[in-house]
Amino acid sequence: MFQRKKDIIYVVLAGIFITNALVAELIGGKLIHVGNTVMSLGILPWPIVFITTDLINEYFGEKGVKKLSFITAGLIAYTFFLLLIGLQIPAVKGDGLISDEQFNAVFGQSMWIIVGSITAFLVSQLIDVTIFHFVKNRTGKKMIWLRSTGSTVISQLFDSFIVLGIAFWLPGKINGETFVASAFTGYSVKLGIAICLTPLIYLGHYLIDNYLGAEKHGN
């Protein structure tokens, strides 16, 4: 049983964080068109990860985010391990049933994608938490938008290039021109969504502060 309201907040935020990170990894192998360039579908859940990262940063500090990031990376690796086992087990054949080919087409992501996803996730999270607290230490409780958006601007630039570089460019699935264009497209989309969702950061602060009440001040 939870002893404090703050414990419940951490569990809820961690659940949202882990769920969206896992979904992003599972759907990341699908590339979609954005104008004349391509973008990984896995980008779509990341703005929610940004929001929960910033809220965890705010209320639980650098250690809270780093601990959760390493746990999530481990869970992503575990998920891919289970999928790898599932890929080796023959499916029951029959009309209307999912065949091995269909299952493999959706979940048979290459080792390059797995390595790229986990590497990009950890690097971007560690950069995000470092920049977040660098800005917070200089602005105090003011300018929440600056530390939230500022950390996202830098960390997601690295994330966009690392994941596509390892997963698609290094194995030769896309050429250099497509790699750069796709990375910048994905980065622009993530950044645009993150900026639009900035009011949710303030809403999250308001809801959490009201829920915590006196406990927020250590009472």
C-alpha atoms as a PDB file:
ATOM      1  CA  MET A   1       0.000   0.000   0.000  1.00  0.00           C
ATOM      2  CA  PHE A   2       1.300   3.467  -0.860  1.00  0.00           C
ATOM      3  CA  GLN A   3       2.428   5.504   2.137  1.00  0.00           C
ATOM      4  CA  ARG A   4       2.332   8.918   0.494  1.00  0.00           C
ATOM      5  CA  LYS A   5       0.421  10.681  -2.261  1.00  0.00           C
ATOM      6  CA  LYS A   6       3.735  11.410  -3.919  1.00  0.00           C
ATOM      7  CA  ASP A   7       4.321   7.659  -4.317  1.00  0.00           C
ATOM      8  CA  ILE A   8       1.043   7.386  -6.225  1.00  0.00           C
ATOM      9  CA  ILE A   9       2.028  10.305  -8.475  1.00  0.00           C
ATOM     10  CA  TYR A  10       5.331   8.619  -9.311  1.00  0.00           C
ATOM     11  CA  VAL A  11       3.677   5.302 -10.131  1.00  0.00           C
ATOM     12  CA  VAL A  12       1.070   6.964 -12.369  1.00  0.00           C
ATOM     13  CA  LEU A  13       3.658   9.066 -14.220  1.00  0.00           C
ATOM     14  CA  ALA A  14       5.986   6.084 -14.526  1.00  0.00           C
ATOM     15  CA  GLY A  15       3.156   3.970 -15.939  1.00  0.00           C
ATOM     16  CA  ILE A  16       2.323   6.600 -18.569  1.00  0.00           C
ATOM     17  CA  PHE A  17       6.025   7.031 -19.364  1.00  0.00           C
ATOM     18  CA  ILE A  18       6.766   3.316 -19.784  1.00  0.00           C
ATOM     19  CA  THR A  19       3.579   2.585 -21.754  1.00  0.00           C
ATOM     20  CA  ASN A  20       4.204   5.313 -24.322  1.00  0.00           C
ATOM     21  CA  ALA A  21       7.902   4.449 -24.624  1.00  0.00           C
ATOM     22  CA  LEU A  22       7.094   0.778 -25.286  1.00  0.00           C
ATOM     23  CA  VAL A  23       4.353   1.600 -27.801  1.00  0.00           C
ATOM     24  CA  ALA A  24       6.735   3.968 -29.600  1.00  0.00           C
ATOM     25  CA  GLU A  25       9.313   1.194 -29.910  1.00  0.00           C
ATOM     26  CA  LEU A  26       6.780  -1.371 -31.133  1.00  0.00           C
ATOM     27  CA  ILE A  27       5.395   0.848 -33.902  1.00  0.00           C
ATOM     28  CA  GLY A  28       8.714   2.536 -34.724  1.00  0.00           C
ATOM     29  CA  GLY A  29       9.527   0.188 -37.609  1.00  0.00           C
ATOM     30  CA  LYS A  30       6.715   1.632 -39.719  1.00  0.00           C
ATOM     31  CA  LEU A  31       7.696   4.613 -41.863  1.00  0.00           C
ATOM     32  CA  ILE A  32       5.038   7.069 -43.009  1.00  0.00           C
ATOM     33  CA  HIS A  33       5.051   9.982 -45.427  1.00  0.00           C
ATOM     34  CA  VAL A  34       5.056  13.547 -44.111  1.00  0.00           C
ATOM     35  CA  GLY A  35       4.960  15.680 -47.207  1.00  0.00           C
ATOM     36  CA  ASN A  36       7.753  14.485 -49.465  1.00  0.00           C
ATOM     37  CA  THR A  37       9.806  12.853 -46.705  1.00  0.00           C
ATOM     38  CA  VAL A  38       9.341   9.832 -44.467  1.00  0.00           C
ATOM     39  CA  MET A  39       9.021   9.634 -40.698  1.00  0.00           C
ATOM     40  CA  SER A  40       8.851   6.806 -38.189  1.00  0.00           C
ATOM     41  CA  LEU A  41       5.365   6.238 -36.773  1.00  0.00           C
ATOM     42  CA  GLY A  42       7.046   5.703 -33.410  1.00  0.00           C
ATOM     43  CA  ILE A  43       7.433   9.460 -33.089  1.00  0.00           C
ATOM     44  CA  LEU A  44       3.737   9.941 -32.299  1.00  0.00           C
ATOM     45  CA  PRO A  45       3.733   8.755 -28.639  1.00  0.00           C
ATOM     46  CA  TRP A  46       6.936  10.631 -27.746  1.00  0.00           C
ATOM     47  CA  PRO A  47       5.382  14.004 -26.888  1.00  0.00           C
ATOM     48  CA  ILE A  48       3.595  12.255 -24.002  1.00  0.00           C
ATOM     49  CA  VAL A  49       6.951  10.840 -22.918  1.00  0.00           C
ATOM     50  CA  PHE A  50       8.337  14.404 -22.970  1.00  0.00           C
ATOM     51  CA  ILE A  51       5.556  15.644 -20.705  1.00  0.00           C
ATOM     52  CA  THR A  52       5.900  12.833 -18.173  1.00  0.00           C
ATOM     53  CA  THR A  53       9.710  13.196 -18.239  1.00  0.00           C
ATOM     54  CA  ASP A  54       9.405  16.890 -17.366  1.00  0.00           C
ATOM     55  CA  LEU A  55       6.886  16.265 -14.595  1.00  0.00           C
ATOM     56  CA  ILE A  56       9.021  13.497 -13.075  1.00  0.00           C
ATOM     57  CA  ASN A  57      12.032  15.816 -13.368  1.00  0.00           C
ATOM     58  CA  GLU A  58      10.115  18.531 -11.543  1.00  0.00           C
ATOM     59  CA  TYR A  59       8.815  16.485  -8.633  1.00  0.00           C
ATOM     60  CA  PHE A  60      11.313  13.636  -8.275  1.00  0.00           C
ATOM     61  CA  GLY A  61      14.546  15.121  -9.524  1.00  0.00           C
ATOM     62  CA  GLU A  62      17.369  13.877 -11.712  1.00  0.00           C
ATOM     63  CA  LYS A  63      17.685  10.544  -9.918  1.00  0.00           C
ATOM     64  CA  GLY A  64      14.000   9.803 -10.396  1.00  0.00           C
ATOM     65  CA  VAL A  65      14.217  10.261 -14.169  1.00  0.00           C
ATOM     66  CA  LYS A  66      17.497   8.398 -14.604  1.00  0.00           C
ATOM     67  CA  LYS A  67      16.270   5.451 -12.570  1.00  0.00           C
ATOM     68  CA  LEU A  68      13.054   5.248 -14.574  1.00  0.00           C
ATOM     69  CA  SER A  69      14.937   5.631 -17.878  1.00  0.00           C
ATOM     70  CA  PHE A  70      17.193   2.657 -17.152  1.00  0.00           C
ATOM     71  CA  ILE A  71      14.226   0.584 -15.979  1.00  0.00           C
ATOM     72  CA  THR A  72      12.328   1.452 -19.163  1.00  0.00           C
ATOM     73  CA  ALA A  73      15.328   0.605 -21.361  1.00  0.00           C
ATOM     74  CA  GLY A  74      15.488  -2.775 -19.628  1.00  0.00           C
ATOM     75  CA  LEU A  75      11.771  -3.326 -20.205  1.00  0.00           C
ATOM     76  CA  ILE A  76      12.126  -2.410 -23.885  1.00  0.00           C
ATOM     77  CA  ALA A  77      14.937  -4.965 -24.226  1.00  0.00           C
ATOM     78  CA  TYR A  78      12.801  -7.537 -22.386  1.00  0.00           C
ATOM     79  CA  THR A  79       9.863  -6.830 -24.715  1.00  0.00           C
ATOM     80  CA  PHE A  80      12.025  -7.396 -27.780  1.00  0.00           C
ATOM     81  CA  PHE A  81      13.386 -10.598 -26.198  1.00  0.00           C
ATOM     82  CA  LEU A  82       9.861 -11.957 -25.728  1.00  0.00           C
ATOM     83  CA  LEU A  83       8.992 -11.013 -29.309  1.00  0.00           C
ATOM     84  CA  LEU A  84      12.118 -12.805 -30.523  1.00  0.00           C
ATOM     85  CA  ILE A  85      10.934 -15.974 -28.787  1.00  0.00           C
ATOM     86  CA  GLY A  86       7.437 -15.508 -30.196  1.00  0.00           C
ATOM     87  CA  LEU A  87       8.834 -15.211 -33.719  1.00  0.00           C
ATOM     88  CA  GLN A  88      10.353 -18.669 -33.416  1.00  0.00           C
ATOM     89  CA  ILE A  89       7.088 -20.389 -32.420  1.00  0.00           C
ATOM     90  CA  PRO A  90       4.995 -21.552 -35.426  1.00  0.00           C
ATOM     91  CA  ALA A  91       1.508 -20.093 -35.692  1.00  0.00           C
ATOM     92  CA  VAL A  92      -1.646 -22.168 -36.081  1.00  0.00           C
ATOM     93  CA  LYS A  93      -2.676 -22.118 -39.734  1.00  0.00           C
ATOM     94  CA  GLY A  94      -6.234 -21.304 -40.732  1.00  0.00           C
ATOM     95  CA  ASP A  95      -8.484 -18.728 -42.355  1.00  0.00           C
ATOM     96  CA  GLY A  96      -8.804 -15.532 -40.356  1.00  0.00           C
ATOM     97  CA  LEU A  97      -5.848 -16.398 -38.128  1.00  0.00           C
ATOM     98  CA  ILE A  98      -2.619 -14.407 -37.971  1.00  0.00           C
ATOM     99  CA  SER A  99       0.053 -16.210 -39.997  1.00  0.00           C
ATOM    100  CA  ASP A 100       3.777 -16.342 -39.243  1.00  0.00           C
ATOM    101  CA  GLU A 101       4.411 -14.012 -42.183  1.00  0.00           C
ATOM    102  CA  GLN A 102       1.962 -11.408 -40.886  1.00  0.00           C
ATOM    103  CA  PHE A 103       3.293 -11.604 -37.328  1.00  0.00           C
ATOM    104  CA  ASN A 104       6.897 -11.400 -38.516  1.00  0.00           C
ATOM    105  CA  ALA A 105       6.095  -8.433 -40.770  1.00  0.00           C
ATOM    106  CA  VAL A 106       4.765  -6.458 -37.785  1.00  0.00           C
ATOM    107  CA  PHE A 107       7.033  -7.574 -34.943  1.00  0.00           C
ATOM    108  CA  GLY A 108      10.106  -8.934 -36.727  1.00  0.00           C
ATOM    109  CA  GLN A 109      12.132  -5.773 -36.294  1.00  0.00           C
ATOM    110  CA  SER A 110      15.822  -6.101 -37.062  1.00  0.00           C
ATOM    111  CA  MET A 111      18.537  -5.981 -34.422  1.00  0.00           C
ATOM    112  CA  TRP A 112      19.559  -2.598 -35.878  1.00  0.00           C
ATOM    113  CA  ILE A 113      16.159  -1.125 -34.959  1.00  0.00           C
ATOM    114  CA  ILE A 114      16.310  -2.577 -31.449  1.00  0.00           C
ATOM    115  CA  VAL A 115      19.830  -1.274 -30.797  1.00  0.00           C
ATOM    116  CA  GLY A 116      19.008   2.098 -32.363  1.00  0.00           C
ATOM    117  CA  SER A 117      15.832   2.496 -30.331  1.00  0.00           C
ATOM    118  CA  ILE A 118      17.378   1.671 -26.965  1.00  0.00           C
ATOM    119  CA  THR A 119      20.516   3.738 -27.619  1.00  0.00           C
ATOM    120  CA  ALA A 120      18.559   6.787 -28.786  1.00  0.00           C
ATOM    121  CA  PHE A 121      16.169   6.483 -25.840  1.00  0.00           C
ATOM    122  CA  LEU A 122      18.889   6.404 -23.187  1.00  0.00           C
ATOM    123  CA  VAL A 123      21.054   9.105 -24.749  1.00  0.00           C
ATOM    124  CA  SER A 124      18.132  11.507 -25.256  1.00  0.00           C
ATOM    125  CA  GLN A 125      16.786  10.938 -21.737  1.00  0.00           C
ATOM    126  CA  LEU A 126      20.156  11.563 -20.095  1.00  0.00           C
ATOM    127  CA  ILE A 127      20.658  14.724 -22.162  1.00  0.00           C
ATOM    128  CA  ASP A 128      17.122  15.874 -21.361  1.00  0.00           C
ATOM    129  CA  VAL A 129      17.480  15.493 -17.597  1.00  0.00           C
ATOM    130  CA  THR A 130      20.887  17.225 -17.596  1.00  0.00           C
ATOM    131  CA  ILE A 131      19.672  20.274 -19.534  1.00  0.00           C
ATOM    132  CA  PHE A 132      16.408  20.414 -17.556  1.00  0.00           C
ATOM    133  CA  HIS A 133      18.209  20.721 -14.232  1.00  0.00           C
ATOM    134  CA  PHE A 134      20.863  23.043 -15.646  1.00  0.00           C
ATOM    135  CA  VAL A 135      18.097  25.505 -16.612  1.00  0.00           C
ATOM    136  CA  LYS A 136      16.091  24.915 -13.430  1.00  0.00           C
ATOM    137  CA  ASN A 137      19.092  25.654 -11.226  1.00  0.00           C
ATOM    138  CA  ARG A 138      19.349  29.066 -12.880  1.00  0.00           C
ATOM    139  CA  THR A 139      15.679  29.993 -13.118  1.00  0.00           C
ATOM    140  CA  GLY A 140      14.304  28.431  -9.925  1.00  0.00           C
ATOM    141  CA  LYS A 141      10.563  27.874  -9.966  1.00  0.00           C
ATOM    142  CA  LYS A 142      10.056  30.368 -12.784  1.00  0.00           C
ATOM    143  CA  MET A 143       9.940  29.742 -16.543  1.00  0.00           C
ATOM    144  CA  ILE A 144       8.710  26.154 -16.509  1.00  0.00           C
ATOM    145  CA  TRP A 145       8.230  26.349 -20.275  1.00  0.00           C
ATOM    146  CA  LEU A 146      11.909  27.187 -20.834  1.00  0.00           C
ATOM    147  CA  ARG A 147      13.353  24.166 -19.048  1.00  0.00           C
ATOM    148  CA  SER A 148      10.690  21.848 -20.467  1.00  0.00           C
ATOM    149  CA  THR A 149      10.934  22.992 -24.087  1.00  0.00           C
ATOM    150  CA  GLY A 150      14.648  23.755 -23.931  1.00  0.00           C
ATOM    151  CA  SER A 151      15.562  20.259 -22.776  1.00  0.00           C
ATOM    152  CA  THR A 152      13.303  18.774 -25.465  1.00  0.00           C
ATOM    153  CA  VAL A 153      14.812  20.903 -28.239  1.00  0.00           C
ATOM    154  CA  ILE A 154      18.310  19.538 -27.622  1.00  0.00           C
ATOM    155  CA  SER A 155      17.606  15.968 -26.501  1.00  0.00           C
ATOM    156  CA  GLN A 156      15.244  15.145 -29.358  1.00  0.00           C
ATOM    157  CA  LEU A 157      17.697  16.391 -31.970  1.00  0.00           C
ATOM    158  CA  PHE A 158      20.063  13.666 -30.797  1.00  0.00           C
ATOM    159  CA  ASP A 159      17.233  11.122 -30.533  1.00  0.00           C
ATOM    160  CA  SER A 160      15.992  11.731 -34.078  1.00  0.00           C
ATOM    161  CA  PHE A 161      19.406  11.262 -35.674  1.00  0.00           C
ATOM    162  CA  ILE A 162      20.592   8.372 -33.496  1.00  0.00           C
ATOM    163  CA  VAL A 163      17.562   6.124 -33.952  1.00  0.00           C
ATOM    164  CA  LEU A 164      17.296   6.618 -37.716  1.00  0.00           C
ATOM    165  CA  GLY A 165      21.057   6.469 -38.159  1.00  0.00           C
ATOM    166  CA  ILE A 166      21.475   3.145 -36.384  1.00  0.00           C
ATOM    167  CA  ALA A 167      18.170   1.555 -37.407  1.00  0.00           C
ATOM    168  CA  PHE A 168      17.906   2.556 -41.064  1.00  0.00           C
ATOM    169  CA  TRP A 169      20.993   4.377 -42.399  1.00  0.00           C
ATOM    170  CA  LEU A 170      23.832   2.156 -41.117  1.00  0.00           C
ATOM    171  CA  PRO A 171      22.250  -1.086 -42.436  1.00  0.00           C
ATOM    172  CA  GLY A 172      21.649   0.612 -45.802  1.00  0.00           C
ATOM    173  CA  LYS A 173      17.844   0.720 -45.660  1.00  0.00           C
ATOM    174  CA  ILE A 174      17.833   4.432 -46.512  1.00  0.00           C
ATOM    175  CA  ASN A 175      20.450   6.649 -48.166  1.00  0.00           C
ATOM    176  CA  GLY A 176      22.200   9.613 -46.568  1.00  0.00           C
ATOM    177  CA  GLU A 177      19.911  12.225 -48.105  1.00  0.00           C
ATOM    178  CA  THR A 178      16.768  10.421 -46.952  1.00  0.00           C
ATOM    179  CA  PHE A 179      18.328   9.879 -43.521  1.00  0.00           C
ATOM    180  CA  VAL A 180      19.019  13.588 -42.947  1.00  0.00           C
ATOM    181  CA  ALA A 181      15.658  14.699 -44.361  1.00  0.00           C
ATOM    182  CA  SER A 182      13.741  12.097 -42.339  1.00  0.00           C
ATOM    183  CA  ALA A 183      15.604  12.923 -39.134  1.00  0.00           C
ATOM    184  CA  PHE A 184      14.871  16.633 -39.455  1.00  0.00           C
ATOM    185  CA  THR A 185      11.241  15.909 -40.378  1.00  0.00           C
ATOM    186  CA  GLY A 186      10.754  13.681 -37.364  1.00  0.00           C
ATOM    187  CA  TYR A 187      12.521  16.189 -35.145  1.00  0.00           C
ATOM    188  CA  SER A 188      10.333  19.038 -36.412  1.00  0.00           C
ATOM    189  CA  VAL A 189       7.150  17.035 -35.854  1.00  0.00           C
ATOM    190  CA  LYS A 190       8.151  16.017 -32.315  1.00  0.00           C
ATOM    191  CA  LEU A 191       9.230  19.537 -31.458  1.00  0.00           C
ATOM    192  CA  GLY A 192       6.076  21.078 -32.900  1.00  0.00           C
ATOM    193  CA  ILE A 193       3.827  18.711 -30.962  1.00  0.00           C
ATOM    194  CA  ALA A 194       5.860  19.232 -27.777  1.00  0.00           C
ATOM    195  CA  ILE A 195       5.511  23.011 -28.044  1.00  0.00           C
ATOM    196  CA  CYS A 196       1.763  22.716 -28.650  1.00  0.00           C
ATOM    197  CA  LEU A 197       1.458  20.482 -25.591  1.00  0.00           C
ATOM    198  CA  THR A 198       3.345  22.903 -23.319  1.00  0.00           C
ATOM    199  CA  PRO A 199       0.072  24.000 -21.628  1.00  0.00           C
ATOM    200  CA  LEU A 200      -0.320  20.384 -20.474  1.00  0.00           C
ATOM    201  CA  ILE A 201       2.892  20.792 -18.449  1.00  0.00           C
ATOM    202  CA  TYR A 202       1.291  23.665 -16.552  1.00  0.00           C
ATOM    203  CA  LEU A 203      -1.944  21.693 -16.185  1.00  0.00           C
ATOM    204  CA  GLY A 204       0.042  18.759 -14.826  1.00  0.00           C
ATOM    205  CA  HIS A 205       1.742  21.030 -12.288  1.00  0.00           C
ATOM    206  CA  TYR A 206      -1.595  22.453 -11.211  1.00  0.00           C
ATOM    207  CA  LEU A 207      -3.250  19.036 -10.777  1.00  0.00           C
ATOM    208  CA  ILE A 208      -0.294  17.494  -8.962  1.00  0.00           C
ATOM    209  CA  ASP A 209       0.186  20.468  -6.634  1.00  0.00           C
ATOM    210  CA  ASN A 210      -3.487  20.416  -5.694  1.00  0.00           C
ATOM    211  CA  TYR A 211      -3.436  16.661  -5.169  1.00  0.00           C
ATOM    212  CA  LEU A 212      -0.311  16.745  -3.016  1.00  0.00           C
ATOM    213  CA  GLY A 213      -1.450  19.702  -0.913  1.00  0.00           C
ATOM    214  CA  ALA A 214       0.555  19.965   2.300  1.00  0.00           C
ATOM    215  CA  GLU A 215       2.633  16.920   1.362  1.00  0.00           C
ATOM    216  CA  LYS A 216       4.262  18.951  -1.406  1.00  0.00           C
ATOM    217  CA  HIS A 217       5.907  21.076   1.285  1.00  0.00           C
ATOM    218  CA  GLY A 218       6.979  18.087   3.309  1.00  0.00           C
ATOM    219  CA  ASN A 219       4.146  18.243   5.861  1.00  0.00           C
END
